[in-house]
Full PDB file with SEQRES, HELIX, SHEET, SSBOND, CRYST1, ORIGX, SCALE, CONECT and MASTER records, all heavy atoms in Angstrom:
SEQRES   1 A   34  ASN ILE GLU ALA ILE SER ILE GLY ASN GLY THR ALA SER          
SEQRES   2 A   34  ARG GLU THR GLU PHE PHE ILE LYS LYS ILE ALA PHE ASP          
SEQRES   3 A   34  LYS PRO LEU GLN VAL PHE VAL VAL                              
HELIX    1 AA1 SER A   13  LYS A   21  1                                   9    
SHEET    1 AA1 2 ALA A   4  ILE A   7  0                                        
SHEET    2 AA1 2 GLN A  30  VAL A  33  1                                        
CRYST1    1.000    1.000    1.000  90.00  90.00  90.00 P 1           1          
ORIGX1      1.000000  0.000000  0.000000        0.00000                         
ORIGX2      0.000000  1.000000  0.000000        0.00000                         
ORIGX3      0.000000  0.000000  1.000000        0.00000                         
SCALE1      1.000000  0.000000  0.000000        0.00000                         
SCALE2      0.000000  1.000000  0.000000        0.00000                         
SCALE3      0.000000  0.000000  1.000000        0.00000                         
ATOM      1  N   ASN A   1     180.172 -28.990  12.482  1.00  0.00           N  
ATOM      2  CA  ASN A   1     178.850 -28.747  12.991  1.00  0.00           C  
ATOM      3  C   ASN A   1     178.111 -27.700  12.134  1.00  0.00           C  
ATOM      4  O   ASN A   1     177.534 -26.724  12.672  1.00  0.00           O  
ATOM      5  CB  ASN A   1     178.908 -28.281  14.427  1.00  0.00           C  
ATOM      6  CG  ASN A   1     177.617 -28.313  15.177  1.00  0.00           C  
ATOM      7  OD1 ASN A   1     176.712 -29.070  14.711  1.00  0.00           O  
ATOM      8  ND2 ASN A   1     177.449 -27.527  16.204  1.00  0.00           N  
ATOM      9  N   ILE A   2     178.113 -27.916  10.818  1.00  0.00           N  
ATOM     10  CA  ILE A   2     177.542 -26.940   9.841  1.00  0.00           C  
ATOM     11  C   ILE A   2     175.983 -26.897  10.014  1.00  0.00           C  
ATOM     12  O   ILE A   2     175.303 -27.921  10.228  1.00  0.00           O  
ATOM     13  CB  ILE A   2     177.903 -27.364   8.398  1.00  0.00           C  
ATOM     14  CG1 ILE A   2     179.423 -27.270   8.179  1.00  0.00           C  
ATOM     15  CG2 ILE A   2     177.125 -26.471   7.416  1.00  0.00           C  
ATOM     16  CD1 ILE A   2     179.981 -25.861   8.423  1.00  0.00           C  
ATOM     17  N   GLU A   3     175.436 -25.694   9.976  1.00  0.00           N  
ATOM     18  CA  GLU A   3     174.032 -25.502  10.121  1.00  0.00           C  
ATOM     19  C   GLU A   3     173.320 -25.142   8.885  1.00  0.00           C  
ATOM     20  O   GLU A   3     172.091 -25.206   8.769  1.00  0.00           O  
ATOM     21  CB  GLU A   3     173.735 -24.477  11.227  1.00  0.00           C  
ATOM     22  CG  GLU A   3     174.347 -24.779  12.598  1.00  0.00           C  
ATOM     23  CD  GLU A   3     174.263 -23.630  13.564  1.00  0.00           C  
ATOM     24  OE1 GLU A   3     173.284 -23.487  14.251  1.00  0.00           O  
ATOM     25  OE2 GLU A   3     175.194 -22.848  13.571  1.00  0.00           O  
ATOM     26  N   ALA A   4     174.001 -24.580   7.865  1.00  0.00           N  
ATOM     27  CA  ALA A   4     173.393 -24.125   6.608  1.00  0.00           C  
ATOM     28  C   ALA A   4     174.462 -24.145   5.528  1.00  0.00           C  
ATOM     29  O   ALA A   4     175.698 -24.089   5.778  1.00  0.00           O  
ATOM     30  CB  ALA A   4     172.871 -22.721   6.760  1.00  0.00           C  
ATOM     31  N   ILE A   5     173.987 -24.271   4.327  1.00  0.00           N  
ATOM     32  CA  ILE A   5     174.886 -24.246   3.099  1.00  0.00           C  
ATOM     33  C   ILE A   5     174.523 -23.127   2.198  1.00  0.00           C  
ATOM     34  O   ILE A   5     173.390 -22.830   1.914  1.00  0.00           O  
ATOM     35  CB  ILE A   5     174.789 -25.596   2.386  1.00  0.00           C  
ATOM     36  CG1 ILE A   5     175.325 -26.769   3.273  1.00  0.00           C  
ATOM     37  CG2 ILE A   5     175.562 -25.577   1.036  1.00  0.00           C  
ATOM     38  CD1 ILE A   5     175.154 -28.139   2.650  1.00  0.00           C  
ATOM     39  N   SER A   6     175.568 -22.395   1.778  1.00  0.00           N  
ATOM     40  CA  SER A   6     175.394 -21.242   0.852  1.00  0.00           C  
ATOM     41  C   SER A   6     176.105 -21.531  -0.448  1.00  0.00           C  
ATOM     42  O   SER A   6     177.313 -21.828  -0.472  1.00  0.00           O  
ATOM     43  CB  SER A   6     176.032 -19.975   1.530  1.00  0.00           C  
ATOM     44  OG  SER A   6     175.961 -18.873   0.678  1.00  0.00           O  
ATOM     45  N   ILE A   7     175.355 -21.459  -1.521  1.00  0.00           N  
ATOM     46  CA  ILE A   7     175.869 -21.743  -2.866  1.00  0.00           C  
ATOM     47  C   ILE A   7     175.868 -20.492  -3.724  1.00  0.00           C  
ATOM     48  O   ILE A   7     174.740 -19.839  -3.835  1.00  0.00           O  
ATOM     49  CB  ILE A   7     175.080 -22.889  -3.526  1.00  0.00           C  
ATOM     50  CG1 ILE A   7     175.088 -24.140  -2.682  1.00  0.00           C  
ATOM     51  CG2 ILE A   7     175.619 -23.205  -4.967  1.00  0.00           C  
ATOM     52  CD1 ILE A   7     174.105 -25.229  -3.191  1.00  0.00           C  
ATOM     53  N   GLY A   8     176.918 -20.160  -4.375  1.00  0.00           N  
ATOM     54  CA  GLY A   8     176.972 -19.005  -5.264  1.00  0.00           C  
ATOM     55  C   GLY A   8     176.181 -19.274  -6.521  1.00  0.00           C  
ATOM     56  O   GLY A   8     176.043 -20.388  -6.933  1.00  0.00           O  
ATOM     57  N   ASN A   9     175.574 -18.259  -7.110  1.00  0.00           N  
ATOM     58  CA  ASN A   9     174.661 -18.401  -8.172  1.00  0.00           C  
ATOM     59  C   ASN A   9     175.260 -18.284  -9.544  1.00  0.00           C  
ATOM     60  O   ASN A   9     174.602 -18.034 -10.506  1.00  0.00           O  
ATOM     61  CB  ASN A   9     173.395 -17.452  -8.100  1.00  0.00           C  
ATOM     62  CG  ASN A   9     173.909 -15.966  -8.308  1.00  0.00           C  
ATOM     63  OD1 ASN A   9     175.061 -15.674  -8.274  1.00  0.00           O  
ATOM     64  ND2 ASN A   9     172.884 -15.125  -8.628  1.00  0.00           N  
ATOM     65  N   GLY A  10     176.589 -18.443  -9.609  1.00  0.00           N  
ATOM     66  CA  GLY A  10     177.264 -18.330 -10.922  1.00  0.00           C  
ATOM     67  C   GLY A  10     177.258 -19.660 -11.655  1.00  0.00           C  
ATOM     68  O   GLY A  10     176.405 -20.530 -11.592  1.00  0.00           O  
ATOM     69  N   THR A  11     178.395 -19.924 -12.447  1.00  0.00           N  
ATOM     70  CA  THR A  11     178.520 -21.104 -13.267  1.00  0.00           C  
ATOM     71  C   THR A  11     178.344 -22.333 -12.397  1.00  0.00           C  
ATOM     72  O   THR A  11     178.933 -22.475 -11.366  1.00  0.00           O  
ATOM     73  CB  THR A  11     179.922 -21.130 -13.905  1.00  0.00           C  
ATOM     74  OG1 THR A  11     180.045 -19.897 -14.657  1.00  0.00           O  
ATOM     75  CG2 THR A  11     180.074 -22.287 -14.799  1.00  0.00           C  
ATOM     76  N   ALA A  12     177.615 -23.285 -12.932  1.00  0.00           N  
ATOM     77  CA  ALA A  12     177.331 -24.612 -12.267  1.00  0.00           C  
ATOM     78  C   ALA A  12     176.573 -24.500 -10.984  1.00  0.00           C  
ATOM     79  O   ALA A  12     176.565 -25.480 -10.147  1.00  0.00           O  
ATOM     80  CB  ALA A  12     178.650 -25.386 -12.017  1.00  0.00           C  
ATOM     81  N   SER A  13     175.874 -23.382 -10.725  1.00  0.00           N  
ATOM     82  CA  SER A  13     175.148 -23.234  -9.450  1.00  0.00           C  
ATOM     83  C   SER A  13     173.969 -24.281  -9.339  1.00  0.00           C  
ATOM     84  O   SER A  13     173.884 -24.868  -8.353  1.00  0.00           O  
ATOM     85  CB  SER A  13     174.591 -21.834  -9.443  1.00  0.00           C  
ATOM     86  OG  SER A  13     173.736 -21.672  -8.309  1.00  0.00           O  
ATOM     87  N   ARG A  14     173.204 -24.404 -10.405  1.00  0.00           N  
ATOM     88  CA  ARG A  14     171.958 -25.293 -10.255  1.00  0.00           C  
ATOM     89  C   ARG A  14     172.469 -26.765 -10.129  1.00  0.00           C  
ATOM     90  O   ARG A  14     171.915 -27.498  -9.317  1.00  0.00           O  
ATOM     91  CB  ARG A  14     171.094 -25.171 -11.500  1.00  0.00           C  
ATOM     92  CG  ARG A  14     170.365 -23.864 -11.599  1.00  0.00           C  
ATOM     93  CD  ARG A  14     169.465 -23.575 -10.412  1.00  0.00           C  
ATOM     94  NE  ARG A  14     168.423 -24.498 -10.153  1.00  0.00           N  
ATOM     95  CZ  ARG A  14     167.260 -24.614 -10.816  1.00  0.00           C  
ATOM     96  NH1 ARG A  14     166.988 -23.731 -11.827  1.00  0.00           N  
ATOM     97  NH2 ARG A  14     166.337 -25.494 -10.503  1.00  0.00           N  
ATOM     98  N   GLU A  15     173.502 -27.103 -10.931  1.00  0.00           N  
ATOM     99  CA  GLU A  15     173.979 -28.433 -10.799  1.00  0.00           C  
ATOM    100  C   GLU A  15     174.496 -28.754  -9.436  1.00  0.00           C  
ATOM    101  O   GLU A  15     174.395 -29.807  -8.874  1.00  0.00           O  
ATOM    102  CB  GLU A  15     175.090 -28.699 -11.818  1.00  0.00           C  
ATOM    103  CG  GLU A  15     174.648 -28.674 -13.306  1.00  0.00           C  
ATOM    104  CD  GLU A  15     174.531 -27.220 -13.847  1.00  0.00           C  
ATOM    105  OE1 GLU A  15     174.627 -26.269 -13.119  1.00  0.00           O  
ATOM    106  OE2 GLU A  15     174.298 -27.171 -15.082  1.00  0.00           O  
ATOM    107  N   THR A  16     175.185 -27.763  -8.848  1.00  0.00           N  
ATOM    108  CA  THR A  16     175.683 -27.930  -7.482  1.00  0.00           C  
ATOM    109  C   THR A  16     174.659 -28.008  -6.442  1.00  0.00           C  
ATOM    110  O   THR A  16     174.674 -28.827  -5.526  1.00  0.00           O  
ATOM    111  CB  THR A  16     176.663 -26.720  -7.133  1.00  0.00           C  
ATOM    112  OG1 THR A  16     177.733 -26.672  -8.107  1.00  0.00           O  
ATOM    113  CG2 THR A  16     177.316 -26.921  -5.807  1.00  0.00           C  
ATOM    114  N   GLU A  17     173.614 -27.233  -6.634  1.00  0.00           N  
ATOM    115  CA  GLU A  17     172.385 -27.265  -5.714  1.00  0.00           C  
ATOM    116  C   GLU A  17     171.809 -28.660  -5.761  1.00  0.00           C  
ATOM    117  O   GLU A  17     171.432 -29.277  -4.737  1.00  0.00           O  
ATOM    118  CB  GLU A  17     171.389 -26.210  -6.099  1.00  0.00           C  
ATOM    119  CG  GLU A  17     170.222 -26.142  -5.234  1.00  0.00           C  
ATOM    120  CD  GLU A  17     169.155 -25.176  -5.686  1.00  0.00           C  
ATOM    121  OE1 GLU A  17     169.294 -24.570  -6.777  1.00  0.00           O  
ATOM    122  OE2 GLU A  17     168.109 -25.027  -4.984  1.00  0.00           O  
ATOM    123  N   PHE A  18     171.541 -29.210  -7.016  1.00  0.00           N  
ATOM    124  CA  PHE A  18     170.994 -30.504  -7.104  1.00  0.00           C  
ATOM    125  C   PHE A  18     171.861 -31.599  -6.481  1.00  0.00           C  
ATOM    126  O   PHE A  18     171.408 -32.544  -5.790  1.00  0.00           O  
ATOM    127  CB  PHE A  18     170.758 -30.897  -8.567  1.00  0.00           C  
ATOM    128  CG  PHE A  18     169.774 -30.038  -9.296  1.00  0.00           C  
ATOM    129  CD1 PHE A  18     169.957 -29.630 -10.655  1.00  0.00           C  
ATOM    130  CD2 PHE A  18     168.596 -29.570  -8.651  1.00  0.00           C  
ATOM    131  CE1 PHE A  18     169.028 -28.800 -11.249  1.00  0.00           C  
ATOM    132  CE2 PHE A  18     167.715 -28.776  -9.312  1.00  0.00           C  
ATOM    133  CZ  PHE A  18     167.908 -28.352 -10.655  1.00  0.00           C  
ATOM    134  N   PHE A  19     173.149 -31.427  -6.704  1.00  0.00           N  
ATOM    135  CA  PHE A  19     174.134 -32.379  -6.106  1.00  0.00           C  
ATOM    136  C   PHE A  19     174.042 -32.399  -4.577  1.00  0.00           C  
ATOM    137  O   PHE A  19     174.000 -33.412  -3.921  1.00  0.00           O  
ATOM    138  CB  PHE A  19     175.510 -32.020  -6.570  1.00  0.00           C  
ATOM    139  CG  PHE A  19     176.645 -32.563  -5.721  1.00  0.00           C  
ATOM    140  CD1 PHE A  19     176.974 -33.889  -5.745  1.00  0.00           C  
ATOM    141  CD2 PHE A  19     177.370 -31.714  -4.848  1.00  0.00           C  
ATOM    142  CE1 PHE A  19     177.968 -34.385  -4.957  1.00  0.00           C  
ATOM    143  CE2 PHE A  19     178.358 -32.190  -4.086  1.00  0.00           C  
ATOM    144  CZ  PHE A  19     178.676 -33.565  -4.047  1.00  0.00           C  
ATOM    145  N   ILE A  20     173.996 -31.198  -3.979  1.00  0.00           N  
ATOM    146  CA  ILE A  20     173.952 -31.079  -2.506  1.00  0.00           C  
ATOM    147  C   ILE A  20     172.688 -31.643  -1.955  1.00  0.00           C  
ATOM    148  O   ILE A  20     172.649 -32.293  -0.916  1.00  0.00           O  
ATOM    149  CB  ILE A  20     174.070 -29.569  -2.084  1.00  0.00           C  
ATOM    150  CG1 ILE A  20     175.490 -29.039  -2.316  1.00  0.00           C  
ATOM    151  CG2 ILE A  20     173.640 -29.366  -0.656  1.00  0.00           C  
ATOM    152  CD1 ILE A  20     176.563 -29.643  -1.559  1.00  0.00           C  
ATOM    153  N   LYS A  21     171.571 -31.465  -2.680  1.00  0.00           N  
ATOM    154  CA  LYS A  21     170.251 -31.971  -2.147  1.00  0.00           C  
ATOM    155  C   LYS A  21     170.139 -33.445  -2.292  1.00  0.00           C  
ATOM    156  O   LYS A  21     169.225 -34.054  -1.757  1.00  0.00           O  
ATOM    157  CB  LYS A  21     169.110 -31.248  -2.935  1.00  0.00           C  
ATOM    158  CG  LYS A  21     168.992 -29.769  -2.498  1.00  0.00           C  
ATOM    159  CD  LYS A  21     167.859 -29.055  -3.154  1.00  0.00           C  
ATOM    160  CE  LYS A  21     167.654 -27.665  -2.590  1.00  0.00           C  
ATOM    161  NZ  LYS A  21     166.635 -26.892  -3.295  1.00  0.00           N  
ATOM    162  N   LYS A  22     171.061 -34.088  -2.965  1.00  0.00           N  
ATOM    163  CA  LYS A  22     171.084 -35.599  -3.086  1.00  0.00           C  
ATOM    164  C   LYS A  22     171.759 -36.201  -1.826  1.00  0.00           C  
ATOM    165  O   LYS A  22     171.536 -37.390  -1.588  1.00  0.00           O  
ATOM    166  CB  LYS A  22     171.783 -36.047  -4.368  1.00  0.00           C  
ATOM    167  CG  LYS A  22     171.069 -35.755  -5.626  1.00  0.00           C  
ATOM    168  CD  LYS A  22     171.913 -36.210  -6.785  1.00  0.00           C  
ATOM    169  CE  LYS A  22     171.343 -35.877  -8.167  1.00  0.00           C  
ATOM    170  NZ  LYS A  22     172.226 -36.227  -9.280  1.00  0.00           N  
ATOM    171  N   ILE A  23     172.467 -35.400  -1.111  1.00  0.00           N  
ATOM    172  CA  ILE A  23     173.288 -35.949  -0.021  1.00  0.00           C  
ATOM    173  C   ILE A  23     172.378 -36.223   1.172  1.00  0.00           C  
ATOM    174  O   ILE A  23     171.576 -35.322   1.543  1.00  0.00           O  
ATOM    175  CB  ILE A  23     174.419 -35.018   0.381  1.00  0.00           C  
ATOM    176  CG1 ILE A  23     175.288 -34.750  -0.846  1.00  0.00           C  
ATOM    177  CG2 ILE A  23     175.236 -35.544   1.527  1.00  0.00           C  
ATOM    178  CD1 ILE A  23     176.440 -33.669  -0.633  1.00  0.00           C  
ATOM    179  N   ALA A  24     172.529 -37.423   1.766  1.00  0.00           N  
ATOM    180  CA  ALA A  24     171.746 -37.761   2.986  1.00  0.00           C  
ATOM    181  C   ALA A  24     172.498 -37.344   4.217  1.00  0.00           C  
ATOM    182  O   ALA A  24     173.384 -38.041   4.738  1.00  0.00           O  
ATOM    183  CB  ALA A  24     171.485 -39.262   3.028  1.00  0.00           C  
ATOM    184  N   PHE A  25     172.219 -36.101   4.708  1.00  0.00           N  
ATOM    185  CA  PHE A  25     172.910 -35.612   5.913  1.00  0.00           C  
ATOM    186  C   PHE A  25     172.306 -36.195   7.166  1.00  0.00           C  
ATOM    187  O   PHE A  25     171.144 -36.652   7.145  1.00  0.00           O  
ATOM    188  CB  PHE A  25     172.778 -34.076   5.959  1.00  0.00           C  
ATOM    189  CG  PHE A  25     173.521 -33.393   4.888  1.00  0.00           C  
ATOM    190  CD1 PHE A  25     172.831 -32.737   3.770  1.00  0.00           C  
ATOM    191  CD2 PHE A  25     174.892 -33.373   4.830  1.00  0.00           C  
ATOM    192  CE1 PHE A  25     173.496 -32.046   2.804  1.00  0.00           C  
ATOM    193  CE2 PHE A  25     175.583 -32.703   3.884  1.00  0.00           C  
ATOM    194  CZ  PHE A  25     174.920 -32.048   2.826  1.00  0.00           C  
ATOM    195  N   ASP A  26     173.016 -36.200   8.226  1.00  0.00           N  
ATOM    196  CA  ASP A  26     172.543 -36.734   9.506  1.00  0.00           C  
ATOM    197  C   ASP A  26     171.498 -35.823  10.177  1.00  0.00           C  
ATOM    198  O   ASP A  26     170.875 -36.245  11.153  1.00  0.00           O  
ATOM    199  CB  ASP A  26     173.770 -36.995  10.439  1.00  0.00           C  
ATOM    200  CG  ASP A  26     174.700 -37.999   9.916  1.00  0.00           C  
ATOM    201  OD1 ASP A  26     174.225 -38.818   9.077  1.00  0.00           O  
ATOM    202  OD2 ASP A  26     175.912 -38.027  10.288  1.00  0.00           O  
ATOM    203  N   LYS A  27     171.443 -34.597   9.729  1.00  0.00           N  
ATOM    204  CA  LYS A  27     170.478 -33.716  10.292  1.00  0.00           C  
ATOM    205  C   LYS A  27     169.970 -32.758   9.153  1.00  0.00           C  
ATOM    206  O   LYS A  27     170.585 -32.623   8.109  1.00  0.00           O  
ATOM    207  CB  LYS A  27     171.139 -32.873  11.371  1.00  0.00           C  
ATOM    208  CG  LYS A  27     172.310 -31.994  10.828  1.00  0.00           C  
ATOM    209  CD  LYS A  27     172.976 -31.182  11.939  1.00  0.00           C  
ATOM    210  CE  LYS A  27     174.181 -30.444  11.426  1.00  0.00           C  
ATOM    211  NZ  LYS A  27     174.857 -29.606  12.444  1.00  0.00           N  
ATOM    212  N   PRO A  28     168.777 -32.151   9.344  1.00  0.00           N  
ATOM    213  CA  PRO A  28     168.277 -31.259   8.272  1.00  0.00           C  
ATOM    214  C   PRO A  28     169.105 -30.029   8.135  1.00  0.00           C  
ATOM    215  O   PRO A  28     169.509 -29.409   9.069  1.00  0.00           O  
ATOM    216  CB  PRO A  28     166.834 -30.935   8.779  1.00  0.00           C  
ATOM    217  CG  PRO A  28     166.860 -31.225  10.205  1.00  0.00           C  
ATOM    218  CD  PRO A  28     167.892 -32.306  10.453  1.00  0.00           C  
ATOM    219  N   LEU A  29     169.464 -29.668   6.889  1.00  0.00           N  
ATOM    220  CA  LEU A  29     170.224 -28.462   6.595  1.00  0.00           C  
ATOM    221  C   LEU A  29     169.506 -27.592   5.632  1.00  0.00           C  
ATOM    222  O   LEU A  29     168.918 -28.094   4.697  1.00  0.00           O  
ATOM    223  CB  LEU A  29     171.580 -28.861   6.013  1.00  0.00           C  
ATOM    224  CG  LEU A  29     172.638 -29.390   6.921  1.00  0.00           C  
ATOM    225  CD1 LEU A  29     173.888 -29.749   6.041  1.00  0.00           C  
ATOM    226  CD2 LEU A  29     173.060 -28.462   7.975  1.00  0.00           C  
ATOM    227  N   GLN A  30     169.537 -26.290   5.881  1.00  0.00           N  
ATOM    228  CA  GLN A  30     169.005 -25.360   4.996  1.00  0.00           C  
ATOM    229  C   GLN A  30     170.008 -25.082   3.858  1.00  0.00           C  
ATOM    230  O   GLN A  30     171.178 -24.815   4.153  1.00  0.00           O  
ATOM    231  CB  GLN A  30     168.586 -23.989   5.590  1.00  0.00           C  
ATOM    232  CG  GLN A  30     167.429 -24.162   6.559  1.00  0.00           C  
ATOM    233  CD  GLN A  30     167.094 -22.762   7.193  1.00  0.00           C  
ATOM    234  OE1 GLN A  30     167.877 -22.246   7.874  1.00  0.00           O  
ATOM    235  NE2 GLN A  30     165.865 -22.269   6.897  1.00  0.00           N  
ATOM    236  N   VAL A  31     169.550 -25.100   2.571  1.00  0.00           N  
ATOM    237  CA  VAL A  31     170.450 -24.827   1.458  1.00  0.00           C  
ATOM    238  C   VAL A  31     169.960 -23.583   0.767  1.00  0.00           C  
ATOM    239  O   VAL A  31     168.836 -23.493   0.315  1.00  0.00           O  
ATOM    240  CB  VAL A  31     170.428 -26.031   0.447  1.00  0.00           C  
ATOM    241  CG1 VAL A  31     171.377 -25.685  -0.677  1.00  0.00           C  
ATOM    242  CG2 VAL A  31     170.885 -27.312   1.140  1.00  0.00           C  
ATOM    243  N   PHE A  32     170.837 -22.581   0.671  1.00  0.00           N  
ATOM    244  CA  PHE A  32     170.546 -21.269   0.064  1.00  0.00           C  
ATOM    245  C   PHE A  32     171.401 -21.058  -1.170  1.00  0.00           C  
ATOM    246  O   PHE A  32     172.618 -21.354  -1.221  1.00  0.00           O  
ATOM    247  CB  PHE A  32     170.847 -20.100   1.069  1.00  0.00           C  
ATOM    248  CG  PHE A  32     169.976 -20.167   2.281  1.00  0.00           C  
ATOM    249  CD1 PHE A  32     170.399 -20.910   3.379  1.00  0.00           C  
ATOM    250  CD2 PHE A  32     168.828 -19.378   2.396  1.00  0.00           C  
ATOM    251  CE1 PHE A  32     169.621 -20.927   4.553  1.00  0.00           C  
ATOM    252  CE2 PHE A  32     168.067 -19.437   3.552  1.00  0.00           C  
ATOM    253  CZ  PHE A  32     168.421 -20.177   4.620  1.00  0.00           C  
ATOM    254  N   VAL A  33     170.821 -20.400  -2.225  1.00  0.00           N  
ATOM    255  CA  VAL A  33     171.546 -19.989  -3.389  1.00  0.00           C  
ATOM    256  C   VAL A  33     171.652 -18.475  -3.216  1.00  0.00           C  
ATOM    257  O   VAL A  33     170.648 -17.787  -3.101  1.00  0.00           O  
ATOM    258  CB  VAL A  33     170.877 -20.326  -4.650  1.00  0.00           C  
ATOM    259  CG1 VAL A  33     171.721 -19.735  -5.832  1.00  0.00           C  
ATOM    260  CG2 VAL A  33     170.867 -21.871  -4.810  1.00  0.00           C  
ATOM    261  N   VAL A  34     172.871 -17.862  -3.137  1.00  0.00           N  
ATOM    262  CA  VAL A  34     173.085 -16.451  -2.902  1.00  0.00           C  
ATOM    263  C   VAL A  34     173.769 -15.811  -4.130  1.00  0.00           C  
ATOM    264  O   VAL A  34     174.454 -16.526  -4.851  1.00  0.00           O  
ATOM    265  CB  VAL A  34     173.839 -16.169  -1.623  1.00  0.00           C  
ATOM    266  CG1 VAL A  34     173.219 -16.778  -0.384  1.00  0.00           C  
ATOM    267  CG2 VAL A  34     175.266 -16.665  -1.787  1.00  0.00           C  
TER     268      VAL A  34                                                      
MASTER        0    0    0    1    2    0    0    6  267    1    0    3          
END                                                                             
């Protein structure tokens, strides 16, 4: 029952963010880079 996603801003951060945003989730999720 995840409500938000937190991605570290180190190596492969942008690629991981793009990858996550391609996923069609069943509900809207906030994606943060920290």
